[in-house]
C-alpha atoms as a PDB file:
ATOM      1  CA  MET A   1     247.418 236.996 154.932  1.00  0.00           C
ATOM      2  CA  ALA A   2     247.085 234.461 157.732  1.00  0.00           C
ATOM      3  CA  ARG A   3     247.699 235.293 161.367  1.00  0.00           C
ATOM      4  CA  HIS A   4     251.193 234.907 162.803  1.00  0.00           C
ATOM      5  CA  SER A   5     252.855 234.864 159.376  1.00  0.00           C
ATOM      6  CA  ASP A   6     256.324 236.329 158.886  1.00  0.00           C
ATOM      7  CA  LEU A   7     255.571 240.040 158.922  1.00  0.00           C
ATOM      8  CA  ARG A   8     258.991 240.951 157.630  1.00  0.00           C
ATOM      9  CA  GLY A   9     258.182 238.860 154.571  1.00  0.00           C
ATOM     10  CA  LEU A  10     255.573 241.472 153.639  1.00  0.00           C
ATOM     11  CA  LYS A  11     258.344 243.871 152.687  1.00  0.00           C
ATOM     12  CA  GLY A  12     259.464 241.973 149.643  1.00  0.00           C
ATOM     13  CA  ARG A  13     256.187 240.682 148.284  1.00  0.00           C
ATOM     14  CA  GLY A  14     255.881 243.466 145.721  1.00  0.00           C
ATOM     15  CA  GLU A  15     252.429 244.676 146.733  1.00  0.00           C
ATOM     16  CA  PRO A  16     251.725 247.547 149.155  1.00  0.00           C
ATOM     17  CA  VAL A  17     250.347 246.423 152.505  1.00  0.00           C
ATOM     18  CA  ALA A  18     246.815 247.703 153.259  1.00  0.00           C
ATOM     19  CA  VAL A  19     246.169 248.468 156.931  1.00  0.00           C
ATOM     20  CA  LEU A  20     242.999 249.992 158.401  1.00  0.00           C
ATOM     21  CA  THR A  21     241.863 250.696 161.912  1.00  0.00           C
ATOM     22  CA  ALA A  22     238.771 248.982 163.282  1.00  0.00           C
ATOM     23  CA  TYR A  23     237.076 249.237 166.652  1.00  0.00           C
ATOM     24  CA  ASP A  24     234.093 246.869 166.403  1.00  0.00           C
ATOM     25  CA  ALA A  25     233.092 243.503 164.977  1.00  0.00           C
ATOM     26  CA  PRO A  26     231.068 244.716 161.947  1.00  0.00           C
ATOM     27  CA  ALA A  27     233.864 246.985 160.701  1.00  0.00           C
ATOM     28  CA  ALA A  28     236.441 244.256 161.300  1.00  0.00           C
ATOM     29  CA  ALA A  29     234.365 241.700 159.404  1.00  0.00           C
ATOM     30  CA  ALA A  30     233.972 244.091 156.467  1.00  0.00           C
ATOM     31  CA  GLU A  31     237.693 244.832 156.402  1.00  0.00           C
ATOM     32  CA  GLU A  32     238.593 241.137 156.487  1.00  0.00           C
ATOM     33  CA  ALA A  33     236.145 240.427 153.644  1.00  0.00           C
ATOM     34  CA  ALA A  34     237.690 243.301 151.681  1.00  0.00           C
ATOM     35  CA  GLY A  35     241.146 241.770 151.972  1.00  0.00           C
ATOM     36  CA  VAL A  36     242.771 244.166 154.433  1.00  0.00           C
ATOM     37  CA  ASP A  37     246.178 242.746 155.349  1.00  0.00           C
ATOM     38  CA  ILE A  38     246.344 243.975 158.952  1.00  0.00           C
ATOM     39  CA  ILE A  39     243.854 245.634 161.287  1.00  0.00           C
ATOM     40  CA  LEU A  40     245.033 248.265 163.748  1.00  0.00           C
ATOM     41  CA  VAL A  41     243.005 248.732 166.907  1.00  0.00           C
ATOM     42  CA  GLY A  42     244.396 252.165 167.599  1.00  0.00           C
ATOM     43  CA  ASP A  43     244.077 254.511 170.522  1.00  0.00           C
ATOM     44  CA  SER A  44     242.338 256.684 167.934  1.00  0.00           C
ATOM     45  CA  VAL A  45     239.274 254.827 169.253  1.00  0.00           C
ATOM     46  CA  GLY A  46     239.186 257.495 171.973  1.00  0.00           C
ATOM     47  CA  PRO A  47     238.473 260.611 169.917  1.00  0.00           C
ATOM     48  CA  ALA A  48     236.992 258.686 166.975  1.00  0.00           C
ATOM     49  CA  MET A  49     234.427 256.525 168.788  1.00  0.00           C
ATOM     50  CA  LEU A  50     234.365 257.152 172.543  1.00  0.00           C
ATOM     51  CA  GLY A  51     234.038 260.920 172.679  1.00  0.00           C
ATOM     52  CA  TYR A  52     237.359 261.420 174.463  1.00  0.00           C
ATOM     53  CA  ALA A  53     239.210 264.692 173.984  1.00  0.00           C
ATOM     54  CA  SER A  54     242.408 262.902 172.946  1.00  0.00           C
ATOM     55  CA  GLU A  55     244.171 259.563 172.674  1.00  0.00           C
ATOM     56  CA  THR A  56     245.689 260.066 176.128  1.00  0.00           C
ATOM     57  CA  GLU A  57     242.347 259.281 177.810  1.00  0.00           C
ATOM     58  CA  VAL A  58     242.164 255.743 176.404  1.00  0.00           C
ATOM     59  CA  THR A  59     242.645 253.003 179.003  1.00  0.00           C
ATOM     60  CA  LEU A  60     243.812 249.405 178.871  1.00  0.00           C
ATOM     61  CA  ALA A  61     240.243 248.333 179.615  1.00  0.00           C
ATOM     62  CA  ASP A  62     239.032 250.342 176.615  1.00  0.00           C
ATOM     63  CA  MET A  63     241.617 248.735 174.374  1.00  0.00           C
ATOM     64  CA  CYS A  64     240.919 245.182 175.537  1.00  0.00           C
ATOM     65  CA  HIS A  65     237.182 245.689 175.029  1.00  0.00           C
ATOM     66  CA  HIS A  66     237.618 246.863 171.435  1.00  0.00           C
ATOM     67  CA  ILE A  67     240.325 244.323 170.577  1.00  0.00           C
ATOM     68  CA  GLY A  68     237.954 241.547 171.621  1.00  0.00           C
ATOM     69  CA  ALA A  69     235.212 242.933 169.407  1.00  0.00           C
ATOM     70  CA  VAL A  70     237.550 243.236 166.430  1.00  0.00           C
ATOM     71  CA  ARG A  71     238.901 239.725 166.907  1.00  0.00           C
ATOM     72  CA  ARG A  72     235.375 238.314 166.934  1.00  0.00           C
ATOM     73  CA  GLY A  73     234.674 240.106 163.679  1.00  0.00           C
ATOM     74  CA  ALA A  74     237.955 239.219 161.954  1.00  0.00           C
ATOM     75  CA  THR A  75     239.190 235.811 163.024  1.00  0.00           C
ATOM     76  CA  ASN A  76     241.903 235.418 160.383  1.00  0.00           C
ATOM     77  CA  THR A  77     243.468 238.872 160.102  1.00  0.00           C
ATOM     78  CA  PRO A  78     246.489 239.976 162.151  1.00  0.00           C
ATOM     79  CA  ILE A  79     245.673 242.651 164.717  1.00  0.00           C
ATOM     80  CA  ILE A  80     248.016 245.360 165.951  1.00  0.00           C
ATOM     81  CA  ALA A  81     246.942 246.971 169.227  1.00  0.00           C
ATOM     82  CA  ASP A  82     248.119 250.289 170.609  1.00  0.00           C
ATOM     83  CA  LEU A  83     249.543 250.396 174.091  1.00  0.00           C
ATOM     84  CA  PRO A  84     247.646 253.279 175.723  1.00  0.00           C
ATOM     85  CA  TYR A  85     249.311 256.369 177.113  1.00  0.00           C
ATOM     86  CA  ARG A  86     251.331 255.796 180.310  1.00  0.00           C
ATOM     87  CA  THR A  87     250.923 252.008 180.174  1.00  0.00           C
ATOM     88  CA  TYR A  88     254.479 251.368 178.967  1.00  0.00           C
ATOM     89  CA  ASP A  89     256.559 253.744 181.084  1.00  0.00           C
ATOM     90  CA  THR A  90     258.852 250.929 182.243  1.00  0.00           C
ATOM     91  CA  PRO A  91     259.773 247.558 180.711  1.00  0.00           C
ATOM     92  CA  ASP A  92     257.803 245.681 183.362  1.00  0.00           C
ATOM     93  CA  MET A  93     254.745 247.872 182.864  1.00  0.00           C
ATOM     94  CA  ALA A  94     254.992 247.488 179.091  1.00  0.00           C
ATOM     95  CA  LEU A  95     255.227 243.712 179.404  1.00  0.00           C
ATOM     96  CA  GLU A  96     252.207 243.455 181.699  1.00  0.00           C
ATOM     97  CA  SER A  97     250.145 245.780 179.479  1.00  0.00           C
ATOM     98  CA  SER A  98     251.171 243.932 176.300  1.00  0.00           C
ATOM     99  CA  ARG A  99     250.162 240.577 177.732  1.00  0.00           C
ATOM    100  CA  LEU A 100     246.689 241.951 178.448  1.00  0.00           C
ATOM    101  CA  LEU A 101     246.287 243.181 174.870  1.00  0.00           C
ATOM    102  CA  ILE A 102     247.474 239.887 173.444  1.00  0.00           C
ATOM    103  CA  ALA A 103     245.142 237.947 175.731  1.00  0.00           C
ATOM    104  CA  ALA A 104     242.300 240.100 174.394  1.00  0.00           C
ATOM    105  CA  GLY A 105     243.097 239.025 170.831  1.00  0.00           C
ATOM    106  CA  ALA A 106     245.982 241.120 169.479  1.00  0.00           C
ATOM    107  CA  ASP A 107     248.929 239.637 167.583  1.00  0.00           C
ATOM    108  CA  LEU A 108     251.260 242.621 167.898  1.00  0.00           C
ATOM    109  CA  VAL A 109     251.446 245.617 170.190  1.00  0.00           C
ATOM    110  CA  LYS A 110     252.447 249.123 169.176  1.00  0.00           C
ATOM    111  CA  PHE A 111     254.033 251.913 171.177  1.00  0.00           C
ATOM    112  CA  GLU A 112     255.079 255.426 170.280  1.00  0.00           C
ATOM    113  CA  GLY A 113     258.542 256.900 170.372  1.00  0.00           C
ATOM    114  CA  PHE A 114     262.140 255.802 170.520  1.00  0.00           C
ATOM    115  CA  LEU A 115     262.110 253.468 173.523  1.00  0.00           C
ATOM    116  CA  PRO A 116     264.764 250.811 172.909  1.00  0.00           C
ATOM    117  CA  ALA A 117     264.650 249.397 176.450  1.00  0.00           C
ATOM    118  CA  ILE A 118     260.914 248.749 176.118  1.00  0.00           C
ATOM    119  CA  LEU A 119     261.426 247.033 172.769  1.00  0.00           C
ATOM    120  CA  VAL A 120     264.284 244.891 174.123  1.00  0.00           C
ATOM    121  CA  SER A 121     262.080 243.665 176.980  1.00  0.00           C
ATOM    122  CA  LEU A 122     259.104 242.825 174.770  1.00  0.00           C
ATOM    123  CA  VAL A 123     261.193 241.069 172.123  1.00  0.00           C
ATOM    124  CA  LYS A 124     262.955 239.093 174.862  1.00  0.00           C
ATOM    125  CA  HIS A 125     259.529 237.796 175.931  1.00  0.00           C
ATOM    126  CA  SER A 126     258.577 236.853 172.341  1.00  0.00           C
ATOM    127  CA  ILE A 127     256.087 239.686 171.897  1.00  0.00           C
ATOM    128  CA  GLU A 128     255.983 241.119 168.375  1.00  0.00           C
ATOM    129  CA  VAL A 129     256.137 244.882 168.317  1.00  0.00           C
ATOM    130  CA  CYS A 130     255.163 247.559 165.826  1.00  0.00           C
ATOM    131  CA  CYS A 131     257.057 250.759 166.613  1.00  0.00           C
ATOM    132  CA  HIS A 132     255.745 254.240 165.806  1.00  0.00           C
ATOM    133  CA  LEU A 133     257.888 257.249 164.877  1.00  0.00           C
ATOM    134  CA  GLY A 134     257.201 260.684 163.434  1.00  0.00           C
ATOM    135  CA  LEU A 135     254.096 262.282 164.842  1.00  0.00           C
ATOM    136  CA  GLU A 136     253.243 260.706 168.193  1.00  0.00           C
ATOM    137  CA  PRO A 137     249.591 261.512 168.980  1.00  0.00           C
ATOM    138  CA  GLN A 138     250.008 260.500 172.636  1.00  0.00           C
ATOM    139  CA  HIS A 139     252.968 262.826 173.181  1.00  0.00           C
ATOM    140  CA  HIS A 140     252.868 265.661 170.652  1.00  0.00           C
ATOM    141  CA  GLU A 141     250.389 268.435 171.419  1.00  0.00           C
ATOM    142  CA  SER A 142     250.991 269.972 167.991  1.00  0.00           C
ATOM    143  CA  LYS A 143     249.856 267.558 165.268  1.00  0.00           C
ATOM    144  CA  GLY A 144     252.186 268.925 162.590  1.00  0.00           C
ATOM    145  CA  LEU A 145     254.647 267.392 160.154  1.00  0.00           C
ATOM    146  CA  GLN A 146     257.716 265.816 161.742  1.00  0.00           C
ATOM    147  CA  GLY A 147     261.245 265.388 160.341  1.00  0.00           C
ATOM    148  CA  ARG A 148     261.217 268.640 158.372  1.00  0.00           C
ATOM    149  CA  SER A 149     264.867 269.535 158.948  1.00  0.00           C
ATOM    150  CA  ALA A 150     267.883 267.476 157.910  1.00  0.00           C
ATOM    151  CA  ALA A 151     268.861 267.090 161.567  1.00  0.00           C
ATOM    152  CA  ASP A 152     265.404 265.883 162.627  1.00  0.00           C
ATOM    153  CA  ALA A 153     265.166 263.542 159.645  1.00  0.00           C
ATOM    154  CA  SER A 154     268.590 262.078 160.401  1.00  0.00           C
ATOM    155  CA  GLN A 155     267.613 261.501 164.029  1.00  0.00           C
ATOM    156  CA  LEU A 156     264.405 259.772 162.934  1.00  0.00           C
ATOM    157  CA  LEU A 157     266.373 257.511 160.585  1.00  0.00           C
ATOM    158  CA  SER A 158     268.904 256.725 163.305  1.00  0.00           C
ATOM    159  CA  ASN A 159     266.110 255.819 165.725  1.00  0.00           C
ATOM    160  CA  ALA A 160     264.432 253.594 163.139  1.00  0.00           C
ATOM    161  CA  LEU A 161     267.694 251.757 162.428  1.00  0.00           C
ATOM    162  CA  ALA A 162     268.310 251.168 166.137  1.00  0.00           C
ATOM    163  CA  LEU A 163     264.801 249.779 166.676  1.00  0.00           C
ATOM    164  CA  ASP A 164     265.182 247.618 163.587  1.00  0.00           C
ATOM    165  CA  GLU A 165     268.424 246.190 164.955  1.00  0.00           C
ATOM    166  CA  ILE A 166     266.691 245.238 168.203  1.00  0.00           C
ATOM    167  CA  GLY A 167     263.976 243.406 166.280  1.00  0.00           C
ATOM    168  CA  MET A 168     260.821 245.449 165.727  1.00  0.00           C
ATOM    169  CA  ALA A 169     258.340 243.544 163.574  1.00  0.00           C
ATOM    170  CA  MET A 170     256.915 246.629 161.852  1.00  0.00           C
ATOM    171  CA  LEU A 171     257.180 250.408 161.880  1.00  0.00           C
ATOM    172  CA  VAL A 172     254.490 253.061 161.493  1.00  0.00           C
ATOM    173  CA  LEU A 173     255.698 256.436 160.225  1.00  0.00           C
ATOM    174  CA  GLU A 174     253.196 259.231 160.773  1.00  0.00           C
ATOM    175  CA  LEU A 175     253.257 262.678 159.146  1.00  0.00           C
ATOM    176  CA  VAL A 176     256.789 262.806 157.795  1.00  0.00           C
ATOM    177  CA  PRO A 177     257.998 264.034 154.388  1.00  0.00           C
ATOM    178  CA  GLU A 178     257.865 261.426 151.640  1.00  0.00           C
ATOM    179  CA  GLU A 179     261.625 261.660 151.104  1.00  0.00           C
ATOM    180  CA  VAL A 180     262.317 260.816 154.739  1.00  0.00           C
ATOM    181  CA  ALA A 181     259.877 257.913 154.722  1.00  0.00           C
ATOM    182  CA  GLU A 182     261.395 256.561 151.513  1.00  0.00           C
ATOM    183  CA  ARG A 183     264.894 256.493 152.970  1.00  0.00           C
ATOM    184  CA  VAL A 184     263.748 254.895 156.231  1.00  0.00           C
ATOM    185  CA  THR A 185     261.824 252.270 154.269  1.00  0.00           C
ATOM    186  CA  ARG A 186     264.880 251.402 152.179  1.00  0.00           C
ATOM    187  CA  CYS A 187     267.176 251.224 155.199  1.00  0.00           C
ATOM    188  CA  VAL A 188     265.238 249.032 157.639  1.00  0.00           C
ATOM    189  CA  ALA A 189     264.370 245.350 157.311  1.00  0.00           C
ATOM    190  CA  ALA A 190     260.952 245.667 158.975  1.00  0.00           C
ATOM    191  CA  PRO A 191     257.980 246.670 156.791  1.00  0.00           C
ATOM    192  CA  VAL A 192     257.191 250.368 157.087  1.00  0.00           C
ATOM    193  CA  ILE A 193     253.554 251.479 157.096  1.00  0.00           C
ATOM    194  CA  GLY A 194     252.885 255.129 156.417  1.00  0.00           C
ATOM    195  CA  ILE A 195     250.132 257.520 157.410  1.00  0.00           C
ATOM    196  CA  GLY A 196     250.764 260.888 155.862  1.00  0.00           C
ATOM    197  CA  ALA A 197     254.224 259.637 154.906  1.00  0.00           C
ATOM    198  CA  GLY A 198     253.943 259.519 151.122  1.00  0.00           C
ATOM    199  CA  ARG A 199     253.945 256.812 148.496  1.00  0.00           C
ATOM    200  CA  LYS A 200     257.293 255.076 149.068  1.00  0.00           C
ATOM    201  CA  THR A 201     256.562 253.069 152.216  1.00  0.00           C
ATOM    202  CA  ASP A 202     255.773 249.348 152.244  1.00  0.00           C
ATOM    203  CA  GLY A 203     252.126 250.043 153.007  1.00  0.00           C
ATOM    204  CA  GLN A 204     249.519 252.520 154.185  1.00  0.00           C
ATOM    205  CA  VAL A 205     247.234 252.857 157.188  1.00  0.00           C
ATOM    206  CA  LEU A 206     244.229 255.123 157.676  1.00  0.00           C
ATOM    207  CA  VAL A 207     241.615 255.576 160.384  1.00  0.00           C
ATOM    208  CA  ILE A 208     238.343 253.916 159.358  1.00  0.00           C
ATOM    209  CA  THR A 209     236.168 256.759 160.650  1.00  0.00           C
ATOM    210  CA  ASP A 210     238.163 259.196 158.504  1.00  0.00           C
ATOM    211  CA  VAL A 211     237.877 256.917 155.472  1.00  0.00           C
ATOM    212  CA  LEU A 212     234.111 256.665 155.974  1.00  0.00           C
ATOM    213  CA  GLY A 213     233.629 260.361 156.640  1.00  0.00           C
ATOM    214  CA  PHE A 214     232.032 260.094 160.073  1.00  0.00           C
ATOM    215  CA  THR A 215     232.511 263.864 160.462  1.00  0.00           C
ATOM    216  CA  ALA A 216     232.824 266.776 158.069  1.00  0.00           C
ATOM    217  CA  LYS A 217     236.472 267.185 159.116  1.00  0.00           C
ATOM    218  CA  ASN A 218     239.088 265.877 156.723  1.00  0.00           C
ATOM    219  CA  TYR A 219     242.886 265.706 156.700  1.00  0.00           C
ATOM    220  CA  ARG A 220     245.420 266.187 153.937  1.00  0.00           C
ATOM    221  CA  HIS A 221     246.794 262.670 154.426  1.00  0.00           C
ATOM    222  CA  ASN A 222     243.325 261.069 154.297  1.00  0.00           C
ATOM    223  CA  ARG A 223     240.999 260.146 151.453  1.00  0.00           C
ATOM    224  CA  LYS A 224     237.260 259.944 152.174  1.00  0.00           C
ATOM    225  CA  TYR A 225     235.579 257.056 150.394  1.00  0.00           C
ATOM    226  CA  GLN A 226     232.120 257.694 151.854  1.00  0.00           C
ATOM    227  CA  GLU A 227     230.187 260.401 153.723  1.00  0.00           C
ATOM    228  CA  PHE A 228     228.863 258.091 156.417  1.00  0.00           C
ATOM    229  CA  GLY A 229     228.263 260.868 158.909  1.00  0.00           C
ATOM    230  CA  GLU A 230     225.783 262.521 156.556  1.00  0.00           C
ATOM    231  CA  LEU A 231     224.140 259.148 155.850  1.00  0.00           C
ATOM    232  CA  MET A 232     223.702 258.522 159.596  1.00  0.00           C
ATOM    233  CA  LEU A 233     222.197 261.967 160.084  1.00  0.00           C
ATOM    234  CA  GLN A 234     219.724 261.576 157.219  1.00  0.00           C
ATOM    235  CA  ALA A 235     218.725 258.063 158.344  1.00  0.00           C
ATOM    236  CA  ALA A 236     218.135 259.255 161.919  1.00  0.00           C
ATOM    237  CA  LYS A 237     216.073 262.226 160.710  1.00  0.00           C
ATOM    238  CA  ALA A 238     213.940 259.970 158.492  1.00  0.00           C
ATOM    239  CA  TYR A 239     213.334 257.568 161.380  1.00  0.00           C
ATOM    240  CA  VAL A 240     212.297 260.350 163.761  1.00  0.00           C
ATOM    241  CA  SER A 241     209.943 261.754 161.133  1.00  0.00           C
ATOM    242  CA  ASP A 242     208.351 258.344 160.467  1.00  0.00           C
ATOM    243  CA  VAL A 243     207.796 257.625 164.164  1.00  0.00           C
ATOM    244  CA  ARG A 244     206.229 260.992 164.807  1.00  0.00           C
ATOM    245  CA  SER A 245     204.009 260.814 161.730  1.00  0.00           C
ATOM    246  CA  GLY A 246     202.884 257.246 162.413  1.00  0.00           C
ATOM    247  CA  ASN A 247     204.548 255.886 159.263  1.00  0.00           C
ATOM    248  CA  PHE A 248     206.692 253.529 161.350  1.00  0.00           C
ATOM    249  CA  PRO A 249     206.036 250.791 162.171  1.00  0.00           C
ATOM    250  CA  ALA A 250     204.120 249.844 159.033  1.00  0.00           C
ATOM    251  CA  GLU A 251     202.101 246.673 158.445  1.00  0.00           C
ATOM    252  CA  THR A 252     205.207 244.953 157.066  1.00  0.00           C
ATOM    253  CA  ASN A 253     206.957 245.501 160.431  1.00  0.00           C
ATOM    254  CA  LEU A 254     204.217 243.914 162.572  1.00  0.00           C
ATOM    255  CA  PHE A 255     203.498 240.490 164.065  1.00  0.00           C
ATOM    256  CA  HIS A 256     199.909 239.245 164.572  1.00  0.00           C
ATOM    257  CA  MET A 257     198.359 236.458 166.650  1.00  0.00           C
ATOM    258  CA  GLU A 258     196.455 233.642 165.011  1.00  0.00           C
ATOM    259  CA  LYS A 259     192.702 234.496 165.018  1.00  0.00           C
ATOM    260  CA  ASN A 260     191.674 231.669 167.334  1.00  0.00           C
ATOM    261  CA  GLU A 261     194.453 232.477 169.808  1.00  0.00           C
ATOM    262  CA  LEU A 262     193.520 236.138 169.713  1.00  0.00           C
ATOM    263  CA  ALA A 263     189.846 235.328 170.401  1.00  0.00           C
ATOM    264  CA  GLU A 264     190.775 233.186 173.408  1.00  0.00           C
ATOM    265  CA  PHE A 265     193.141 235.859 174.707  1.00  0.00           C
ATOM    266  CA  LEU A 266     190.444 238.548 174.460  1.00  0.00           C
ATOM    267  CA  ARG A 267     187.921 236.336 176.306  1.00  0.00           C
ATOM    268  CA  GLY A 268     190.202 236.220 179.320  1.00  0.00           C
ATOM    269  CA  PRO A 269     189.611 238.414 182.375  1.00  0.00           C
ATOM    270  CA  PRO A 270     191.076 241.899 182.153  1.00  0.00           C
ATOM    271  CA  GLN A 271     194.204 242.476 184.228  1.00  0.00           C
ATOM    272  CA  LYS A 272     194.293 245.137 186.880  1.00  0.00           C
ATOM    273  CA  ILE A 273     196.819 247.878 186.339  1.00  0.00           C
ATOM    274  CA  SER A 274     198.931 248.151 189.450  1.00  0.00           C
ATOM    275  CA  ARG A 275     199.745 251.673 190.541  1.00  0.00           C
END
């Protein structure tokens, strides 16, 4: 999928949309080569890569830094960028923050929650927006399933329809029952991307560090495709062992001077060691 294409056209193409997060150029390049449709530079970068306690610690500077890296790694894939916590409290603030993310390389911005006034302002200024309903990591302390009751599910659907009417380009539904996600997906024109929202959405998104198994932790909504954390640990242990035993560097890792240059160098006066 080329950048700036009609995102709403994804909904009817008959093939689920594959979205993954990325936070650096190598991961972005691999995802583009693999055929990922859209890359999300999420505020999950905070706990996943930066050692932050939660997504709420991520700053605009953090996001711009990682968006730039991802754009350099994936030049032809659309990028969605999260607006960090408390950077979209008002329409003017949201607009200023969004322009920074787009200047860094994003194609769309994403914010959490039912904020129609924010969406109206961004759409008015021709900024494409991915909305985010269900679990809101920036705002919900408890990371549980959302939309369990009929009343909560109906409110979620109503919010999605209102945002769709304003003109959201996409919608992420996080941790909601499959039945709720299916109905929302059928009722809105924008493509719906699920994470822990079942099989009936227009596409799926996962966090790349979860997919790769950076830590032993796993989630019900995730599928690990590798155990990269264990691979990193074993590689680091092997390196430490080789350095300490003298097995690294080996002859194949060295560079030598030509014999005549070495002889001339050794004939030169010794250099004093300054103390």
